[in-house]
Protein backbone atom coordinates (compact mmCIF):
# COMPACT_ATOMS: atom_id res chain seq x y z
CA MET A 1 94.16 129.38 121.35
CA GLN A 2 94.62 131.39 117.99
CA PHE A 3 91.74 129.88 116.45
CA TYR A 4 89.32 130.31 119.57
CA LYS A 5 90.61 133.98 119.20
CA LEU A 6 89.91 134.08 115.84
CA GLU A 7 86.31 132.57 115.74
CA ALA A 8 85.25 135.17 118.62
CA SER A 9 86.23 137.91 116.75
CA GLY A 10 83.85 137.19 114.03
CA LYS A 11 86.37 137.23 110.78
CA ALA A 12 86.25 134.71 107.96
CA ILE A 13 88.95 132.29 109.49
CA TYR A 14 90.02 131.10 106.07
CA LYS A 15 91.02 134.16 104.84
CA ASN A 16 93.02 135.18 108.56
CA LEU A 17 94.74 131.69 108.92
CA THR A 18 97.71 132.15 110.82
CA PRO A 19 101.12 129.54 109.98
CA GLU A 20 100.54 128.10 113.81
CA ILE A 21 96.83 127.30 112.58
CA MET A 22 97.44 125.75 109.35
CA GLU A 23 100.32 123.50 110.65
CA LEU A 24 97.72 121.96 113.68
CA ALA A 25 94.95 121.25 110.32
CA GLY A 26 97.67 119.66 108.38
CA ASP A 27 98.78 117.54 111.79
CA SER A 28 94.98 116.59 112.59
CA LEU A 29 94.90 115.68 109.42
CA LYS A 30 97.69 113.17 109.62
CA VAL A 31 96.50 111.77 112.78
CA CYS A 32 92.74 111.43 111.61
CA GLU A 33 93.90 109.28 108.78
CA LEU A 34 96.74 107.14 110.24
CA THR A 35 94.93 106.29 113.37
CA ASN A 36 91.89 104.89 111.62
CA SER A 37 94.03 101.62 110.14
CA MET A 38 95.02 101.40 114.25
CA PRO A 39 93.16 98.38 116.63
CA ASP A 40 91.15 100.39 118.75
CA ASP A 41 93.83 99.86 122.11
CA LEU A 42 96.43 101.21 120.11
CA LYS A 43 93.99 104.17 118.95
CA ASN A 44 93.69 105.23 122.85
CA ARG A 45 97.27 104.84 123.43
CA TYR A 46 98.12 107.60 120.51
CA ARG A 47 94.84 109.60 122.01
CA GLN A 48 95.83 109.60 125.29
CA ASN A 49 99.38 110.44 124.72
CA LEU A 50 98.68 112.88 122.06
CA LEU A 51 96.76 114.88 124.73
CA ASP A 52 99.85 114.78 127.08
CA GLU A 53 102.25 117.79 126.98
CA GLU A 54 105.03 115.37 127.67
CA ASN A 55 104.26 112.76 124.81
CA ALA A 56 102.91 114.72 122.45
CA ASN A 57 105.83 115.11 120.68
CA ASN A 58 106.98 111.83 120.31
CA TYR A 59 104.31 110.26 119.17
CA LEU A 60 103.22 113.23 116.62
CA PHE A 61 106.93 112.46 115.26
CA GLU A 62 105.87 108.93 115.22
CA ILE A 63 102.82 109.51 112.74
CA LEU A 64 104.63 112.26 110.76
CA ILE A 65 107.07 109.16 108.96
CA ALA A 66 104.31 106.77 108.98
CA TRP A 67 102.69 109.64 106.57
CA GLY A 68 105.91 110.05 104.65
CA TYR A 69 105.02 106.30 103.44
CA LYS A 70 101.05 106.35 103.35
CA ILE A 71 101.24 109.26 100.86
CA ARG A 72 103.72 107.27 98.81
CA ASN A 73 100.63 104.30 98.93
CA TYR A 74 102.30 101.84 101.36
CA ASN A 75 100.37 100.31 103.77
CA ILE A 76 101.52 100.43 107.64
CA SER A 77 101.30 97.52 109.67
CA TRP A 78 101.40 98.77 113.58
CA ASN A 79 103.15 97.10 115.80
CA ASN A 80 100.25 96.45 119.01
CA ASP A 81 102.40 94.95 121.56
CA ASP A 82 104.37 97.37 123.75
CA SER A 83 105.01 94.46 126.65
CA VAL A 84 108.12 93.53 124.58
CA ALA A 85 110.70 95.80 122.86
CA GLY A 86 110.24 96.32 119.01
CA PRO A 87 109.46 98.75 116.31
CA GLU A 88 106.70 101.48 115.99
CA TYR A 89 105.19 100.24 113.10
CA SER A 90 106.66 98.70 109.88
CA ILE A 91 106.21 99.48 105.97
CA VAL A 92 104.71 96.79 104.00
CA ILE A 93 106.22 96.71 100.82
CA GLY A 94 105.19 94.22 98.03
CA ASN A 95 106.36 90.60 100.15
CA TYR A 96 108.00 92.29 102.59
CA GLU A 97 108.20 94.26 105.77
CA LEU A 98 110.51 97.30 106.66
CA GLU A 99 110.57 98.35 110.25
CA VAL A 100 110.47 101.81 111.55
CA GLU A 101 112.07 102.67 114.78
CA CYS A 102 111.61 106.83 115.84
CA LYS A 103 113.50 108.22 117.85
CA LYS A 104 113.43 112.25 119.21
CA LEU A 105 117.37 113.55 119.68
CA SER A 106 117.15 116.47 122.19
CA VAL A 107 120.57 118.05 121.92
CA ASP A 108 120.10 119.68 124.87
CA THR A 109 120.28 116.48 126.27
CA PHE A 110 123.61 116.05 125.87
CA ARG A 111 124.80 120.08 126.62
CA LYS A 112 126.66 121.66 129.48
CA ILE A 113 124.11 125.13 128.99
CA LYS A 114 121.02 124.43 127.70
CA ARG A 115 119.21 126.31 125.47
CA PRO A 116 115.86 126.94 127.55
CA ASP A 117 118.65 127.83 130.58
CA PHE A 118 120.19 129.76 128.17
CA TYR A 119 117.36 132.37 126.96
CA HIS A 120 116.71 132.56 130.49
CA PHE A 121 119.50 134.21 131.53
CA VAL A 122 119.55 136.54 128.76
CA ASP A 123 116.15 137.43 128.74
CA ASP A 124 117.20 138.24 132.45
CA LEU A 125 120.56 139.72 132.41
CA VAL A 126 120.73 141.67 129.01
CA PRO A 127 117.92 144.30 129.41
CA LYS A 128 119.46 145.34 132.79
CA ILE A 129 122.76 145.81 131.37
CA SER A 130 120.99 148.03 128.69
CA ASP A 131 119.01 149.49 130.97
CA ALA A 132 121.88 150.81 132.94
CA GLY A 133 123.06 152.91 129.48
CA LEU A 134 125.55 150.51 128.26
CA LYS A 135 126.28 148.65 125.27
CA GLY A 136 129.12 146.29 124.12
CA ASN A 137 130.42 143.08 124.33
CA ILE A 138 130.28 139.90 127.22
CA GLU A 139 131.54 136.38 126.95
CA ILE A 140 130.87 134.15 129.94
CA GLU A 141 133.08 130.85 130.31
CA PHE A 142 131.20 128.42 132.92
CA HIS A 143 133.33 126.21 134.66
CA ASP A 144 130.89 123.79 133.99
CA LYS A 145 127.10 123.70 133.59
CA LEU A 146 124.86 126.75 133.22
CA PRO A 147 122.76 126.30 136.36
CA SER A 148 119.05 125.42 135.38
CA ASN A 149 117.75 126.63 139.07
CA MET A 150 116.20 130.11 139.01
CA GLN A 151 117.69 131.24 141.98
CA THR A 152 121.39 130.58 141.16
CA GLN A 153 120.82 132.13 137.71
CA GLU A 154 119.80 135.13 139.74
CA GLU A 155 122.69 135.17 142.29
CA ILE A 156 125.35 134.68 139.10
CA ILE A 157 123.62 137.71 137.38
CA THR A 158 123.98 139.76 140.74
CA GLU A 159 127.59 139.03 140.93
CA ILE A 160 128.23 140.53 137.14
CA LEU A 161 126.60 143.43 138.16
CA ASP A 162 127.87 144.22 140.92
CA GLU A 163 131.19 143.87 139.00
CA VAL A 164 130.04 146.20 136.13
CA ASP A 165 128.28 148.62 138.70
CA GLY A 166 126.34 150.54 135.71
CA LYS A 167 129.75 152.19 134.43
CA PRO A 168 131.89 151.03 131.61
CA ILE A 169 134.50 148.33 132.03
CA ASN A 170 136.80 146.44 130.06
CA ARG A 171 138.06 143.53 132.32
CA HIS A 172 138.34 139.87 132.43
CA VAL A 173 136.46 138.90 136.03
CA HIS A 174 136.30 135.81 137.88
CA LEU A 175 132.61 134.58 139.70
CA SER A 176 131.68 131.71 141.91
CA CYS A 177 131.08 129.80 138.92
CA ALA A 178 132.41 131.38 135.84
CA ASP A 179 135.11 133.50 134.00
CA VAL A 180 133.83 136.68 132.34
CA ASP A 181 135.06 139.15 129.78
CA LEU A 182 132.91 142.17 130.08
CA SER A 183 133.63 144.94 127.20
CA LEU A 184 130.92 147.42 128.00
CA LYS A 185 130.75 151.38 127.06
CA GLU A 186 128.37 154.13 127.00
CA LYS A 187 125.65 153.92 124.70
CA SER A 188 125.52 156.07 121.66
CA ASN A 189 123.23 156.91 118.69
CA ASP A 190 126.06 155.13 115.88
CA LEU A 191 124.11 152.59 113.74
CA VAL A 192 125.16 149.44 113.33
CA ASP A 193 124.80 146.45 110.17
CA ILE A 194 123.34 143.89 112.48
CA LYS A 195 123.11 141.66 110.04
CA GLN A 196 127.24 141.94 109.21
CA MET A 197 127.76 141.70 112.97
CA TYR A 198 125.61 138.29 113.34
CA LYS A 199 127.27 137.17 110.61
CA GLN A 200 130.85 137.70 112.14
CA LEU A 201 130.03 136.78 115.78
CA LEU A 202 128.74 133.10 114.30
CA VAL A 203 132.05 132.95 112.72
CA ARG A 204 133.96 133.82 115.54
CA LYS A 205 132.08 132.35 118.61
CA PRO A 206 132.81 128.74 119.48
CA VAL A 207 131.31 125.83 118.65
CA ASN A 208 129.74 124.69 121.16
CA ALA A 209 128.95 128.31 122.54
CA HIS A 210 125.46 129.72 122.82
CA CYS A 211 125.30 133.60 121.64
CA VAL A 212 122.62 136.20 121.06
CA ILE A 213 122.45 140.43 120.16
CA TYR A 214 120.61 142.06 121.87
CA LEU A 215 118.61 145.26 120.84
CA PRO A 216 116.87 147.08 123.10
CA PRO A 217 113.00 147.81 122.27
CA GLY A 218 111.45 150.78 121.55
CA SER A 219 113.98 151.56 118.91
CA SER A 220 113.34 152.17 115.13
CA SER A 221 117.10 151.92 114.27
CA GLU A 222 119.78 149.42 115.04
CA ILE A 223 121.46 150.96 117.65
CA ASN A 224 123.42 150.12 120.91
CA PRO A 225 123.74 146.47 120.78
CA ILE A 226 124.72 144.14 123.19
CA GLU A 227 126.22 140.58 122.37
CA ILE A 228 126.68 138.36 124.40
CA VAL A 229 128.45 134.41 124.31
CA CYS A 230 127.85 131.89 126.34
CA LYS A 231 129.98 128.62 126.91
CA SER A 232 131.56 125.93 129.31
CA GLN A 233 135.11 125.02 130.20
CA ARG A 234 133.67 121.11 130.13
CA ASP A 235 133.79 119.25 126.57
CA GLU A 236 130.28 118.67 125.23
CA ASP A 237 129.85 115.11 123.46
CA ILE A 238 126.66 115.65 121.03
CA ILE A 239 127.12 113.78 118.57
CA GLY A 240 128.16 110.92 120.88
CA GLY A 241 125.28 111.07 122.83
CA MET A 242 122.92 110.55 119.91
CA ARG A 243 125.23 107.52 118.39
CA GLY A 244 124.41 105.53 121.49
CA ILE A 245 120.76 106.36 121.29
CA ILE A 246 120.47 105.01 117.77
CA SER A 247 123.03 102.04 118.29
CA LYS A 248 120.81 101.00 121.34
CA ALA A 249 117.67 101.77 119.02
CA SER A 250 118.77 99.61 116.23
CA LYS A 251 119.56 96.57 118.62
CA ARG A 252 117.27 96.72 120.81
CA GLN A 253 113.96 97.80 118.97
CA LEU A 254 113.96 96.32 115.80
CA SER A 255 113.98 92.56 115.24
CA LYS A 256 116.68 91.50 113.26
CA LYS A 257 114.20 89.47 110.98
CA ASN A 258 113.23 92.27 108.25
CA PRO A 259 115.21 95.15 107.50
CA GLY A 260 114.99 98.42 109.49
CA ILE A 261 115.39 102.19 109.91
CA VAL A 262 116.18 103.69 112.77
CA ALA A 263 114.03 107.62 111.89
CA CYS A 264 115.26 110.47 113.99
CA PHE A 265 113.37 113.96 114.73
CA ILE A 266 116.27 116.39 115.50
CA PRO A 267 114.26 120.22 116.28
CA GLU A 268 114.45 123.38 115.21
CA ILE A 269 117.10 122.31 111.95
CA GLU A 270 116.49 124.57 109.35
CA SER A 271 118.47 122.64 106.81
CA PHE A 272 120.39 119.21 106.43
CA GLU A 273 121.94 120.71 103.27
CA GLY A 274 126.00 120.10 102.49
CA LEU A 275 125.74 116.99 105.28
CA GLN A 276 125.31 113.61 103.12
CA ASN A 277 128.95 113.31 102.74
CA GLU A 278 130.97 115.39 105.41
CA GLY A 279 131.18 116.65 109.10
CA ALA A 280 129.65 114.65 112.23
CA LEU A 281 126.58 113.35 111.82
CA ALA A 282 127.94 111.84 108.38
CA ASN A 283 131.09 110.15 110.21
CA MET A 284 128.73 109.29 113.01
CA SER A 285 126.01 107.35 110.89
CA TYR A 286 128.26 105.92 108.42
CA GLY A 287 130.50 104.66 111.32
CA LEU A 288 127.35 102.77 112.76
CA PHE A 289 126.88 100.52 109.60
CA ASP A 290 128.94 97.27 110.63
CA GLU A 291 128.59 93.71 110.81
CA SER A 292 126.27 94.12 114.34
CA ARG A 293 124.02 96.43 112.46
CA ALA A 294 123.68 94.49 108.85
CA HIS A 295 120.04 94.51 109.36
CA VAL A 296 119.76 98.29 109.54
CA ALA A 297 118.90 99.36 106.02
CA ALA A 298 119.10 103.22 106.51
CA ILE A 299 119.15 106.21 109.31
CA LEU A 300 117.17 109.22 108.47
CA TYR A 301 117.23 112.66 110.17
CA CYS A 302 114.29 114.87 110.09
CA SER A 303 113.40 118.16 111.88
CA ASP A 304 110.40 120.72 112.06
CA SER A 305 108.03 121.28 109.35
CA ARG A 306 108.25 124.42 107.46
CA LEU A 307 105.45 126.35 105.49
CA LEU A 308 106.23 127.50 102.60
CA PRO A 309 104.11 129.49 99.73
CA GLU A 310 102.41 128.00 96.77
CA PHE A 311 100.18 129.96 94.18
CA TYR A 312 97.46 128.01 95.56
CA GLY A 313 98.08 128.42 99.12
CA TYR A 314 101.19 127.05 101.07
CA ARG A 315 102.94 123.52 100.98
CA SER A 316 104.35 122.25 104.67
CA TYR A 317 107.04 120.25 104.35
CA HIS A 318 110.23 118.62 106.62
CA PRO A 319 113.99 119.34 106.11
CA ALA A 320 115.91 115.06 105.95
CA LEU A 321 118.62 113.87 105.53
CA VAL A 322 119.43 109.79 104.99
CA PHE A 323 122.07 107.72 105.13
CA LYS A 324 121.62 104.57 103.26
CA ASN A 325 123.74 101.29 104.85
CA PRO A 326 125.98 99.84 102.08
CA TYR A 327 126.24 96.60 104.33
CA CYS A 328 122.87 95.91 104.51
CA ARG A 329 121.97 92.13 104.05
CA TYR A 330 118.53 92.66 103.05
CA GLU A 331 118.82 93.04 98.83
CA GLU A 332 115.42 93.90 98.96
CA VAL A 333 115.71 97.69 100.10
CA ARG A 334 119.30 98.28 98.00
CA ASP A 335 116.39 100.62 95.47
CA PHE A 336 113.83 101.51 97.58
CA LYS A 337 113.34 105.48 97.92
CA PHE A 338 113.70 105.79 101.59
CA LEU A 339 112.42 109.33 102.74
CA SER A 340 115.45 112.09 102.02
CA THR A 341 115.86 115.85 101.28
CA GLU A 342 112.01 116.75 102.38
CA PHE A 343 108.75 115.06 102.46
């Protein structure tokens, strides 16, 4: 859509490229280069799925990982038999192959409060609080899940607004599906340091909570913020859910006849810096390396592409993190340079 609008404007396209158009061009190059080496029926399968809204991102991720090895001059051997469980493709390394199984891990799958539901809920609730002439803090603890159903969300918002009744309030209230702490007062023109406020919020909020700071539109100053935090009383096992997907992929999709790698895409990760040797992701990944997965050479995680300005234009890269299996039985891959840190 951006390209068509730019084309219709009559402006020089190469001088007015947006980051989205540049990303699209980069993805197009990867697709064109890699599908050229595919058998025709596999190429058709990729064509159909890359044009499908539900499947496009999954298939594009497979292309992305393959591209990381192609630009390092490795050949790609595509798996054209989808009738049996197996990896998407293999990387040909000398006289052996490294099997690659790709998985997209949606953190929202294991959350009680899913991000799209949270965004919609906040977009509906918070402006109404602001329009009532109020600012301050709202903390909501759902008994279980934040409902995805829009009508149910509207009912919850109506309960909250009935409690507020357009007036300052500092009280803990019980709703049908949540407990809410309301600390709201009348708007003023007092300036706030929104960056410092957000840093403090990130430190203060529970690990599994969602949070946002809302500023009224149309204001040129940082005034009258509304801070909202949502969480669930129920425990979430996000890392455990991810572990289950990777465990099944390593045992069911990789043949064990060759060394293999499980490549995982996790959306919206800015950086994996500092996660190599400690933290839940590292503990989970290294915990998967046992005798039953001695054929797994490594687990790779990567996220969305980033555009960095260079002196000649922009460079696209993906933040990434790799965990090598110290117990892998295939000596050939011990010194192999897996994709790591970024590519």
